[in-house]
Amino acid sequence: MFTEIILNVQTLEKRMAIMEDNQLVELFVEKEKNNNLVGNIYKGIVRDVLPGMGAAFIDIGLERTAFLHYTDIVNDIYLDDLADDIDQDKKNLVQDSHKIVELLKPNQEILVQVQKDPTGSKGARLIGTISISGKFLVFFPNQDKIAVSRKIGSSKERNRIKGILQSVKDSSTGLIVRTEAEGLSDDDLINEYKTLLKSWKFLDKKISNTTAPACIYDENDIVTTVVKDIFTSKIDRLVVDDKDFYHQITVKLNEYNAEMSKKCELYAEDTPIFDAYNIEKEIDKIFHSRIYLPSGGNIVIETTEALVAIDINTGSYTGRKSYEDTIKKTNLEAAIEVVRQIRLRNLSGVVMIDFIDMQEEQSKKEVLLRLTSALKRDRAKNNIFPFNPLGIIAITRKRTSSTIMQTYYEHCPFCYGTGRILARNSVLYKINRWLQRAEFFILNKPLNIYMNPVVKQTYDKNPQILTKTSNKINIFEDPNLDQDSYRVFLADEKKDITYKYNP
C-alpha cells in the first residue's frame, strides 16, 4: 500500500491529508483559532473539588474549566497499548476516588496535561502525569520506569533498547519506547533522550516563572504533529505546497532521521495541491450523511450526543446470484468504507454499525474479519465487538480531538444544531395558541402580527388556522424574521407584546 501525506498551507489554515493508494483516509485541519490541545501542558488553578465524582475542575485559561479525575492524578505511568504490563491496580483506584479532597484544594496551583480536547458543552479532560513526546521516545519527569512498545516483537531488541537507555537515563525520569525506535542506533536513541531531557529542564524553569492559569508547553503545531506522530517509516512520501513549511519539516526531520527527509517533496505547480490530488472533492463528501458504495449500495452516518449510528443499505444493487451473496457483497464493501469514514471524520466514542441481516454464520465472520483488518490501520485506539443478536457490530474508539464536522461547522442559529426547523403550519398553530392565551387580557384591541414570508404564504392558503377572536387582526410579512419566529404588536400603541403572553 502506497501511503503519502499531502500538506496544504494557507495563511489562516493548514490542512494535512493522509492518502492510501490515492484514497483519502485521514484529514487534519489546523485553524488560526481552533488548534488541537491534546498533549499541551498547563499550569492551572483548582476551582472546585467534588469528592462525590472523584474529580476536580481546573482553570487552565480556556473558556470552560477542565476536568481532572482522581485516577488521573495518582497513577504511575499507565502505558495503555504501549506497555509490557498494564497496572491492574488502576481499577482499584476508582474506589478511592473520594480521597481527591486529600490531594487538591480550591485555589491550589497544579501542573496538568490535556488528554482530550474540549467538545460541545464539555471542557477538556486532563491528566496529572506529565509527559513530553518525541519521535521515538515519550519522556516522563519524576518517574523511573522504562517500557517498550509491545509491537516491537523481538525480546532481544527490546532488551537492547532498554539497556542503552538505562545506561544514560537519570533515575528521576521514565520513558516509553515507541514502535518506531526498533532498529534505531545507540546514538540516535541517546540523542533523542538528551533532547527531551533538555526540553524538560527548560520547561521546569518556565513553570517556576509563570503565573497560572497559563500554557507551559504547546506541542500541537502541525510541523511537530507531522514529524513526531504522522511521518513514520510506513509513509512513502510527503508533499507540501509551501517553501518555508517544507524547510521547517526537513530541518526537524534531519534532527531525528536524515533518511526520512529524503521522502519530502515541494509541490510547485499552479493547480492547488488538494485539487491536483482530488482531495477537495473528497472533503465535500465528508459532510454528507449518505455515502455511496461502488456496487450501488450506501451507508448512512448519523451522529448523536451519545453515539454514532451507521446504517448499511443495498440501495440500487440487486446482485446477480443469491440474495445472501448480494447482501454479503454490500456488507463487505461497507466494512471497508465504514472504517475509512470513521478515520476521515474522526468519529469517536461508541459507533454502532447496523449491517444488512445475513443468515449464514460464515458471511458474518467474513464481514467481521474485513472490518477488523481495516481497523488495524487506524492510529486511534479502538475495540471491536462482534455481531450481537440484532445484527449490529459495536466499535469503541478513543476520542483525542474534535471531529471534522466540529472543526468546520458551527451550530445553526435557526435550528440550534438539530438540522430541523418548525414547520410553517406549526408556526401558525403556535400563533393561534398565543391568541387564545392572550385574548382575555387584550380584549377587542386590534393586533398587527408579523411573520416570515413563507409562513404568510401558508396562512393565505389556510386562513382558518387562526381562530376567530374579539381582536381585529392584521397579518404582515417580515423577511427579517426566522421561519419559526413571529411578532405581535398592539396596533394602536405600536407596542410589542409577543413575549408578554408566551407560555
Protein backbone atom coordinates (compact mmCIF):
# COMPACT_ATOMS: atom_id res chain seq x y z
CA MET A 1 0.00 0.00 0.00
CA PHE A 2 1.40 3.38 -1.06
CA THR A 3 0.86 5.93 1.70
CA GLU A 4 1.53 9.64 1.37
CA ILE A 5 0.93 12.87 3.24
CA ILE A 6 -0.31 15.92 1.31
CA LEU A 7 0.10 19.27 3.09
CA ASN A 8 -1.76 22.42 2.06
CA VAL A 9 -0.54 25.59 3.82
CA GLN A 10 -2.63 28.77 3.83
CA THR A 11 -2.46 31.95 5.90
CA LEU A 12 -5.20 31.09 8.40
CA GLU A 13 -5.48 27.36 7.84
CA LYS A 14 -3.20 24.37 7.38
CA ARG A 15 -4.61 21.08 6.12
CA MET A 16 -2.96 17.68 6.10
CA ALA A 17 -4.38 14.73 4.17
CA ILE A 18 -3.24 11.13 4.51
CA MET A 19 -3.73 9.10 1.32
CA GLU A 20 -3.63 5.31 0.99
CA ASP A 21 -3.40 4.12 -2.62
CA ASN A 22 -4.68 7.54 -3.78
CA GLN A 23 -7.68 7.41 -1.46
CA LEU A 24 -8.22 9.97 1.30
CA VAL A 25 -8.35 8.25 4.70
CA GLU A 26 -7.49 10.97 7.25
CA LEU A 27 -7.74 14.75 7.34
CA PHE A 28 -6.25 17.16 9.88
CA VAL A 29 -7.11 20.84 9.99
CA GLU A 30 -5.26 23.48 11.97
CA LYS A 31 -7.09 26.80 12.10
CA GLU A 32 -5.75 30.07 13.46
CA LYS A 33 -8.11 29.99 16.46
CA ASN A 34 -9.04 26.31 16.64
CA ASN A 35 -5.93 24.33 17.49
CA ASN A 36 -5.80 20.88 18.98
CA LEU A 37 -4.87 20.98 22.69
CA VAL A 38 -4.10 17.30 23.36
CA GLY A 39 -0.63 16.94 24.86
CA ASN A 40 -0.36 20.59 25.86
CA ILE A 41 0.89 21.20 29.41
CA TYR A 42 -0.80 23.84 31.58
CA LYS A 43 -0.20 25.42 34.94
CA GLY A 44 -3.75 25.53 36.25
CA ILE A 45 -5.76 26.58 39.29
CA VAL A 46 -8.17 24.25 41.10
CA ARG A 47 -11.62 25.86 41.07
CA ASP A 48 -13.79 23.12 42.57
CA VAL A 49 -13.24 19.68 44.13
CA LEU A 50 -16.13 17.16 44.06
CA PRO A 51 -15.47 14.03 46.17
CA GLY A 52 -18.78 12.51 45.03
CA MET A 53 -17.48 12.48 41.46
CA GLY A 54 -13.89 11.84 42.48
CA ALA A 55 -12.92 14.79 40.31
CA ALA A 56 -11.86 18.42 40.25
CA PHE A 57 -12.46 21.26 37.84
CA ILE A 58 -9.31 23.09 36.83
CA ASP A 59 -9.00 26.56 35.31
CA ILE A 60 -6.31 26.36 32.60
CA GLY A 61 -7.25 29.62 30.92
CA LEU A 62 -9.83 28.25 28.48
CA GLU A 63 -13.47 29.25 28.09
CA ARG A 64 -14.61 26.27 30.22
CA THR A 65 -12.92 24.71 33.21
CA ALA A 66 -11.24 21.37 32.51
CA PHE A 67 -11.99 18.03 34.19
CA LEU A 68 -9.43 16.04 36.22
CA HIS A 69 -10.34 12.68 37.75
CA TYR A 70 -8.65 11.17 40.82
CA THR A 71 -7.37 8.16 38.84
CA ASP A 72 -5.56 10.54 36.50
CA ILE A 73 -3.74 12.25 39.39
CA VAL A 74 -2.35 9.38 41.44
CA ASN A 75 -1.48 6.94 38.66
CA ASP A 76 2.04 5.96 37.71
CA ILE A 77 2.97 5.62 34.02
CA TYR A 78 -0.08 3.93 32.53
CA LEU A 79 1.07 2.89 29.14
CA ASP A 80 -2.13 1.53 27.60
CA ASP A 81 -1.35 -0.44 24.44
CA LEU A 82 2.33 0.56 24.51
CA ALA A 83 3.38 -1.15 27.70
CA ASP A 84 4.64 -4.62 28.52
CA ASP A 85 2.47 -4.58 31.61
CA ILE A 86 -0.74 -2.75 32.40
CA ASP A 87 -1.05 -1.99 36.09
CA GLN A 88 -4.33 -3.57 37.10
CA ASP A 89 -4.34 -1.55 40.31
CA LYS A 90 -5.73 1.40 38.36
CA LYS A 91 -9.16 -0.22 38.52
CA ASN A 92 -8.95 -0.22 42.29
CA LEU A 93 -8.17 3.49 42.37
CA VAL A 94 -11.73 4.27 41.30
CA GLN A 95 -12.98 3.01 44.68
CA ASP A 96 -10.72 5.52 46.43
CA SER A 97 -11.66 8.47 44.22
CA HIS A 98 -13.34 10.32 47.13
CA LYS A 99 -9.82 10.82 48.50
CA ILE A 100 -9.28 13.53 45.91
CA VAL A 101 -10.02 16.06 48.67
CA GLU A 102 -6.79 14.95 50.36
CA LEU A 103 -4.79 15.90 47.27
CA LEU A 104 -6.46 19.03 45.92
CA LYS A 105 -7.91 22.17 47.46
CA PRO A 106 -9.68 25.12 45.81
CA ASN A 107 -7.27 27.82 44.53
CA GLN A 108 -4.34 25.37 44.58
CA GLU A 109 -1.97 25.54 41.59
CA ILE A 110 -1.41 22.29 39.69
CA LEU A 111 0.51 21.10 36.63
CA VAL A 112 -1.69 19.16 34.20
CA GLN A 113 -1.69 17.89 30.63
CA VAL A 114 -4.61 17.76 28.20
CA GLN A 115 -5.77 14.23 27.47
CA LYS A 116 -8.87 15.09 25.43
CA ASP A 117 -9.91 18.31 23.71
CA PRO A 118 -12.99 20.22 24.88
CA THR A 119 -16.02 19.35 22.78
CA GLY A 120 -19.60 20.55 22.78
CA SER A 121 -20.54 21.52 26.32
CA LYS A 122 -17.69 19.52 27.86
CA GLY A 123 -14.40 21.01 28.98
CA ALA A 124 -11.02 19.43 28.29
CA ARG A 125 -10.13 16.16 30.04
CA LEU A 126 -6.85 16.37 31.96
CA ILE A 127 -4.24 14.00 33.34
CA GLY A 128 -1.80 14.63 36.18
CA THR A 129 1.04 12.55 34.75
CA ILE A 130 3.13 14.91 32.61
CA SER A 131 5.00 13.69 29.52
CA ILE A 132 6.86 15.08 26.52
CA SER A 133 6.59 13.11 23.28
CA GLY A 134 9.46 12.68 20.88
CA LYS A 135 9.74 10.80 17.61
CA PHE A 136 10.93 7.57 19.24
CA LEU A 137 10.52 8.15 22.99
CA VAL A 138 7.99 9.58 25.41
CA PHE A 139 9.66 11.32 28.34
CA PHE A 140 8.13 11.29 31.86
CA PRO A 141 9.67 13.57 34.53
CA ASN A 142 9.56 12.32 38.12
CA GLN A 143 9.19 8.67 37.07
CA ASP A 144 11.68 5.81 36.88
CA LYS A 145 10.28 3.11 34.56
CA ILE A 146 11.27 2.17 31.02
CA ALA A 147 8.54 0.49 28.99
CA VAL A 148 8.86 -0.71 25.40
CA SER A 149 6.09 -0.92 22.82
CA ARG A 150 4.63 -4.40 22.58
CA LYS A 151 4.71 -4.01 18.79
CA ILE A 152 8.49 -4.48 18.98
CA GLY A 153 8.22 -8.26 18.98
CA SER A 154 11.86 -9.27 19.43
CA SER A 155 12.80 -9.67 23.10
CA LYS A 156 16.45 -9.26 22.11
CA GLU A 157 15.71 -5.87 20.52
CA ARG A 158 13.59 -4.78 23.48
CA ASN A 159 16.39 -5.66 25.91
CA ARG A 160 18.94 -3.88 23.72
CA ILE A 161 16.93 -0.66 23.73
CA LYS A 162 16.26 -0.86 27.47
CA GLY A 163 19.94 -1.41 28.16
CA ILE A 164 21.01 1.63 26.11
CA LEU A 165 18.53 3.93 27.79
CA GLN A 166 19.15 2.56 31.27
CA SER A 167 22.85 3.43 30.91
CA VAL A 168 22.16 7.15 30.23
CA LYS A 169 18.82 7.77 31.90
CA ASP A 170 18.54 9.89 35.01
CA SER A 171 16.95 7.98 37.91
CA SER A 172 14.16 10.55 38.17
CA THR A 173 12.93 10.11 34.59
CA GLY A 174 10.73 7.49 32.95
CA LEU A 175 10.48 6.54 29.29
CA ILE A 176 8.15 4.85 26.84
CA VAL A 177 9.88 3.46 23.77
CA ARG A 178 7.76 3.85 20.65
CA THR A 179 7.48 1.25 17.90
CA GLU A 180 9.46 3.49 15.54
CA ALA A 181 12.56 3.02 17.73
CA GLU A 182 13.01 -0.57 16.55
CA GLY A 183 16.42 -0.95 14.89
CA LEU A 184 17.49 2.56 15.83
CA SER A 185 21.20 3.09 16.53
CA ASP A 186 22.56 3.68 20.03
CA ASP A 187 23.48 7.27 19.19
CA ASP A 188 20.02 8.12 17.81
CA LEU A 189 18.31 6.80 20.95
CA ILE A 190 20.70 8.62 23.27
CA ASN A 191 20.46 11.88 21.31
CA GLU A 192 16.67 11.86 21.45
CA TYR A 193 16.74 11.20 25.20
CA LYS A 194 19.12 14.13 25.72
CA THR A 195 16.92 16.40 23.56
CA LEU A 196 13.82 15.53 25.60
CA LEU A 197 15.70 15.98 28.89
CA LYS A 198 16.88 19.41 27.73
CA SER A 199 13.29 20.35 26.81
CA TRP A 200 12.06 19.33 30.25
CA LYS A 201 14.74 21.35 32.06
CA PHE A 202 13.69 24.41 30.05
CA LEU A 203 10.01 23.80 30.91
CA ASP A 204 10.83 23.26 34.57
CA LYS A 205 12.27 26.77 34.77
CA LYS A 206 9.30 28.16 32.85
CA ILE A 207 6.87 26.57 35.31
CA SER A 208 8.50 28.38 38.24
CA ASN A 209 8.31 31.76 36.50
CA THR A 210 4.78 31.52 35.05
CA THR A 211 1.58 32.77 36.69
CA ALA A 212 -1.37 30.38 36.49
CA PRO A 213 -3.51 29.77 34.54
CA ALA A 214 -1.21 29.51 31.55
CA CYS A 215 0.00 27.14 28.82
CA ILE A 216 3.52 25.94 29.60
CA TYR A 217 4.09 23.72 26.59
CA ASP A 218 2.32 23.57 23.22
CA GLU A 219 3.17 20.52 21.15
CA ASN A 220 0.38 20.84 18.62
CA ASP A 221 1.72 22.97 15.81
CA ILE A 222 1.28 20.95 12.65
CA VAL A 223 5.03 20.64 11.96
CA THR A 224 5.54 18.85 15.28
CA THR A 225 2.47 16.67 14.66
CA VAL A 226 3.71 15.63 11.23
CA VAL A 227 7.28 14.87 12.25
CA LYS A 228 6.60 13.28 15.62
CA ASP A 229 3.34 11.39 15.12
CA ILE A 230 2.39 11.05 11.46
CA PHE A 231 5.55 10.75 9.38
CA THR A 232 6.62 7.22 10.28
CA SER A 233 8.61 4.68 8.31
CA LYS A 234 5.30 3.46 6.82
CA ILE A 235 4.85 6.75 4.96
CA ASP A 236 6.24 6.61 1.41
CA ARG A 237 6.12 10.31 0.55
CA LEU A 238 5.27 13.74 1.95
CA VAL A 239 4.31 16.57 -0.42
CA VAL A 240 3.90 20.18 0.78
CA ASP A 241 2.98 23.29 -1.21
CA ASP A 242 4.79 25.91 0.87
CA LYS A 243 8.56 26.50 0.61
CA ASP A 244 9.04 27.79 4.20
CA PHE A 245 6.98 24.96 5.63
CA TYR A 246 8.91 22.44 3.56
CA HIS A 247 12.14 23.83 5.02
CA GLN A 248 10.80 23.63 8.62
CA ILE A 249 9.80 19.98 8.18
CA THR A 250 13.04 18.86 6.57
CA VAL A 251 15.13 20.62 9.22
CA LYS A 252 13.15 18.97 12.01
CA LEU A 253 13.24 15.57 10.30
CA ASN A 254 17.02 15.81 9.99
CA GLU A 255 17.18 16.08 13.79
CA TYR A 256 15.58 12.63 14.03
CA ASN A 257 16.43 10.74 10.87
CA ALA A 258 18.09 12.25 7.80
CA GLU A 259 16.83 9.39 5.61
CA MET A 260 13.21 10.38 6.31
CA SER A 261 13.78 13.91 4.98
CA LYS A 262 14.56 12.42 1.54
CA LYS A 263 10.90 11.42 1.26
CA CYS A 264 9.80 15.08 1.34
CA GLU A 265 8.85 16.91 -1.86
CA LEU A 266 7.98 20.55 -2.54
CA TYR A 267 4.89 20.99 -4.73
CA ALA A 268 5.40 23.90 -7.13
CA GLU A 269 2.59 23.53 -9.71
CA ASP A 270 -0.06 26.20 -10.41
CA THR A 271 -3.02 23.93 -9.70
CA PRO A 272 -3.95 23.95 -5.97
CA ILE A 273 -2.41 20.86 -4.38
CA PHE A 274 -5.69 19.49 -2.97
CA ASP A 275 -7.30 19.83 -6.42
CA ALA A 276 -4.38 18.07 -8.07
CA TYR A 277 -4.77 15.08 -5.74
CA ASN A 278 -8.60 15.16 -5.97
CA ILE A 279 -8.81 15.76 -2.22
CA GLU A 280 -11.10 18.81 -2.33
CA LYS A 281 -13.97 16.80 -3.82
CA GLU A 282 -13.49 14.10 -1.20
CA ILE A 283 -13.64 16.68 1.61
CA ASP A 284 -17.04 17.87 0.38
CA LYS A 285 -18.39 14.32 0.75
CA ILE A 286 -17.40 14.24 4.44
CA PHE A 287 -20.34 16.47 5.28
CA HIS A 288 -22.92 14.25 3.58
CA SER A 289 -24.76 11.75 5.76
CA ARG A 290 -25.13 9.28 2.89
CA ILE A 291 -22.05 7.70 1.25
CA TYR A 292 -22.41 5.55 -1.88
CA LEU A 293 -20.58 2.25 -2.39
CA PRO A 294 -19.09 1.08 -5.72
CA SER A 295 -21.73 -1.62 -6.14
CA GLY A 296 -24.65 0.78 -5.72
CA GLY A 297 -25.27 0.22 -2.02
CA ASN A 298 -24.87 3.01 0.51
CA ILE A 299 -24.16 3.77 4.14
CA VAL A 300 -25.88 6.43 6.24
CA ILE A 301 -24.00 8.07 9.13
CA GLU A 302 -25.83 9.91 11.91
CA THR A 303 -24.01 11.41 14.90
CA THR A 304 -25.83 11.92 18.19
CA GLU A 305 -24.71 13.13 21.61
CA ALA A 306 -24.41 9.55 22.89
CA LEU A 307 -23.17 7.56 19.90
CA VAL A 308 -22.63 7.32 16.15
CA ALA A 309 -25.17 5.23 14.23
CA ILE A 310 -24.22 3.78 10.83
CA ASP A 311 -26.79 2.01 8.67
CA ILE A 312 -25.95 -0.17 5.65
CA ASN A 313 -28.36 -0.39 2.68
CA THR A 314 -28.26 -2.35 -0.61
CA GLY A 315 -29.59 0.71 -2.46
CA SER A 316 -29.70 0.11 -6.21
CA TYR A 317 -27.56 -3.03 -6.04
CA THR A 318 -29.61 -6.16 -6.79
CA GLY A 319 -26.80 -8.66 -7.37
CA ARG A 320 -26.52 -11.46 -9.90
CA LYS A 321 -26.66 -14.56 -7.74
CA SER A 322 -28.48 -15.32 -4.49
CA TYR A 323 -29.91 -12.78 -2.09
CA GLU A 324 -27.33 -13.81 0.55
CA ASP A 325 -24.46 -13.11 -1.87
CA THR A 326 -25.92 -9.69 -2.69
CA ILE A 327 -26.11 -8.78 0.98
CA LYS A 328 -22.65 -10.15 1.77
CA LYS A 329 -21.00 -8.20 -1.05
CA THR A 330 -22.68 -4.97 0.09
CA ASN A 331 -21.64 -5.57 3.71
CA LEU A 332 -18.04 -6.39 2.73
CA GLU A 333 -17.79 -3.17 0.72
CA ALA A 334 -19.42 -1.25 3.56
CA ALA A 335 -16.97 -2.63 6.15
CA ILE A 336 -14.02 -1.02 4.32
CA GLU A 337 -15.85 2.27 3.72
CA VAL A 338 -17.16 2.49 7.28
CA VAL A 339 -13.63 2.35 8.70
CA ARG A 340 -12.44 4.94 6.18
CA GLN A 341 -15.26 7.28 7.18
CA ILE A 342 -14.58 6.74 10.89
CA ARG A 343 -10.93 7.74 10.38
CA LEU A 344 -11.72 10.54 7.93
CA ARG A 345 -14.43 12.16 10.07
CA ASN A 346 -12.53 11.34 13.29
CA LEU A 347 -15.63 9.74 14.80
CA SER A 348 -15.20 8.50 18.35
CA GLY A 349 -16.96 7.11 21.38
CA VAL A 350 -19.44 4.30 20.64
CA VAL A 351 -20.05 3.55 16.96
CA MET A 352 -22.97 1.21 16.20
CA ILE A 353 -22.96 -0.38 12.73
CA ASP A 354 -26.22 -1.92 11.53
CA PHE A 355 -25.19 -4.28 8.74
CA ILE A 356 -27.82 -5.85 6.50
CA ASP A 357 -29.03 -9.09 8.11
CA MET A 358 -27.13 -12.20 6.96
CA GLN A 359 -28.34 -15.71 7.60
CA GLU A 360 -25.06 -17.60 7.21
CA GLU A 361 -22.52 -17.52 10.04
CA GLN A 362 -19.66 -17.72 7.54
CA SER A 363 -20.84 -14.48 5.91
CA LYS A 364 -20.87 -12.75 9.29
CA LYS A 365 -17.33 -13.98 10.01
CA GLU A 366 -16.06 -12.63 6.67
CA VAL A 367 -17.60 -9.19 7.31
CA LEU A 368 -16.21 -9.04 10.85
CA LEU A 369 -12.76 -10.08 9.60
CA ARG A 370 -12.83 -7.40 6.88
CA LEU A 371 -13.82 -4.75 9.43
CA THR A 372 -11.17 -5.87 11.95
CA SER A 373 -8.46 -5.90 9.29
CA ALA A 374 -9.33 -2.36 8.14
CA LEU A 375 -9.32 -1.06 11.73
CA LYS A 376 -5.71 -2.19 12.20
CA ARG A 377 -4.64 0.79 10.08
CA ASP A 378 -6.40 3.21 12.42
CA ARG A 379 -3.91 5.06 14.64
CA ALA A 380 -6.56 5.79 17.29
CA LYS A 381 -7.09 3.16 19.97
CA ASN A 382 -10.20 1.13 19.20
CA ASN A 383 -12.05 -2.03 20.20
CA ILE A 384 -14.49 -4.04 18.12
CA PHE A 385 -17.38 -6.15 19.45
CA PRO A 386 -18.81 -8.96 17.23
CA PHE A 387 -22.35 -9.17 15.88
CA ASN A 388 -24.98 -9.07 18.61
CA PRO A 389 -28.39 -10.81 18.27
CA LEU A 390 -29.73 -7.72 16.48
CA GLY A 391 -27.08 -7.99 13.78
CA ILE A 392 -25.18 -4.92 15.00
CA ILE A 393 -21.43 -4.55 15.45
CA ALA A 394 -20.17 -2.03 18.01
CA ILE A 395 -16.85 -0.22 17.90
CA THR A 396 -15.40 1.95 20.63
CA ARG A 397 -12.82 4.50 19.51
CA LYS A 398 -10.79 6.80 21.70
CA ARG A 399 -11.51 10.49 21.27
CA THR A 400 -8.50 12.78 21.40
CA SER A 401 -9.67 15.75 19.32
CA SER A 402 -12.70 17.31 17.65
CA THR A 403 -14.44 15.66 14.72
CA ILE A 404 -14.03 17.16 11.26
CA MET A 405 -17.67 18.29 11.45
CA GLN A 406 -16.98 20.20 14.67
CA THR A 407 -13.86 21.73 13.11
CA TYR A 408 -15.64 23.04 10.02
CA TYR A 409 -19.19 23.72 11.22
CA GLU A 410 -20.93 25.73 13.92
CA HIS A 411 -24.44 25.30 15.30
CA CYS A 412 -27.18 26.76 13.12
CA PRO A 413 -28.68 29.81 14.89
CA PHE A 414 -32.10 28.89 13.47
CA CYS A 415 -32.36 25.18 14.21
CA TYR A 416 -29.82 25.16 17.13
CA GLY A 417 -27.95 22.23 15.66
CA THR A 418 -30.95 19.91 15.29
CA GLY A 419 -30.96 20.09 11.49
CA ARG A 420 -34.71 20.82 11.60
CA ILE A 421 -36.86 23.93 11.87
CA LEU A 422 -40.51 24.34 12.93
CA ALA A 423 -42.92 23.66 10.05
CA ARG A 424 -44.88 26.60 8.60
CA ASN A 425 -48.30 25.37 9.69
CA SER A 426 -46.85 24.58 13.15
CA VAL A 427 -45.79 28.23 13.44
CA LEU A 428 -49.37 29.30 12.64
CA TYR A 429 -50.78 26.90 15.24
CA LYS A 430 -48.31 28.40 17.71
CA ILE A 431 -49.61 31.90 16.92
CA ASN A 432 -53.17 30.63 17.31
CA ARG A 433 -52.40 29.32 20.81
CA TRP A 434 -50.86 32.72 21.62
CA LEU A 435 -54.09 34.47 20.62
CA GLN A 436 -56.18 32.15 22.78
CA ARG A 437 -53.87 32.69 25.73
CA ALA A 438 -53.82 36.50 25.41
CA GLU A 439 -57.43 37.20 24.37
CA PHE A 440 -58.75 37.81 27.89
CA PHE A 441 -56.07 40.43 28.58
CA ILE A 442 -56.27 42.32 25.26
CA LEU A 443 -60.00 42.05 24.62
CA ASN A 444 -61.17 43.91 21.46
CA LYS A 445 -57.76 45.51 20.86
CA PRO A 446 -56.57 45.44 17.23
CA LEU A 447 -53.36 43.50 16.60
CA ASN A 448 -50.63 43.54 13.97
CA ILE A 449 -48.98 40.13 13.53
CA TYR A 450 -45.69 39.83 11.64
CA MET A 451 -44.39 36.52 10.27
CA ASN A 452 -41.83 35.16 7.82
CA PRO A 453 -42.96 35.42 4.14
CA VAL A 454 -43.15 31.63 3.65
CA VAL A 455 -45.36 31.34 6.76
CA LYS A 456 -47.53 34.18 5.40
CA GLN A 457 -47.96 32.25 2.16
CA THR A 458 -49.18 29.22 4.13
CA TYR A 459 -51.60 31.46 6.09
CA ASP A 460 -53.01 32.98 2.88
CA LYS A 461 -53.87 29.45 1.70
CA ASN A 462 -55.22 28.34 5.12
CA PRO A 463 -56.61 31.41 6.98
CA GLN A 464 -58.90 29.16 9.01
CA ILE A 465 -55.88 28.03 11.07
CA LEU A 466 -56.10 31.22 13.15
CA THR A 467 -59.19 31.05 15.37
CA LYS A 468 -61.59 33.97 15.25
CA THR A 469 -61.11 36.24 18.25
CA SER A 470 -62.55 39.52 19.51
CA ASN A 471 -59.42 41.22 18.23
CA LYS A 472 -59.13 42.65 14.75
CA ILE A 473 -56.03 41.01 13.23
CA ASN A 474 -53.80 42.41 10.50
CA ILE A 475 -51.22 39.99 9.05
CA PHE A 476 -47.91 41.27 7.64
CA GLU A 477 -44.84 39.54 6.31
CA ASP A 478 -41.36 40.39 7.60
CA PRO A 479 -38.41 38.87 5.70
CA ASN A 480 -36.11 39.62 8.66
CA LEU A 481 -37.93 37.12 10.87
CA ASP A 482 -36.79 33.49 11.04
CA GLN A 483 -39.30 30.96 9.78
CA ASP A 484 -40.21 29.84 13.30
CA SER A 485 -40.48 33.39 14.73
CA TYR A 486 -43.33 35.89 14.85
CA ARG A 487 -44.13 39.24 16.46
CA VAL A 488 -47.45 40.56 17.81
CA PHE A 489 -47.98 44.32 18.29
CA LEU A 490 -50.86 46.36 19.70
CA ALA A 491 -51.85 48.20 16.51
CA ASP A 492 -52.84 51.49 18.17
CA GLU A 493 -49.91 51.72 20.58
CA LYS A 494 -47.36 50.03 18.27
CA LYS A 495 -46.18 48.08 21.32
CA ASP A 496 -44.57 44.64 21.01
CA ILE A 497 -46.42 42.26 23.35
CA THR A 498 -45.17 38.95 21.93
CA TYR A 499 -43.19 37.75 24.95
CA LYS A 500 -45.73 39.06 27.46
CA TYR A 501 -48.16 36.26 26.64
CA ASN A 502 -45.80 33.45 25.78
CA PRO A 503 -46.20 30.29 27.94
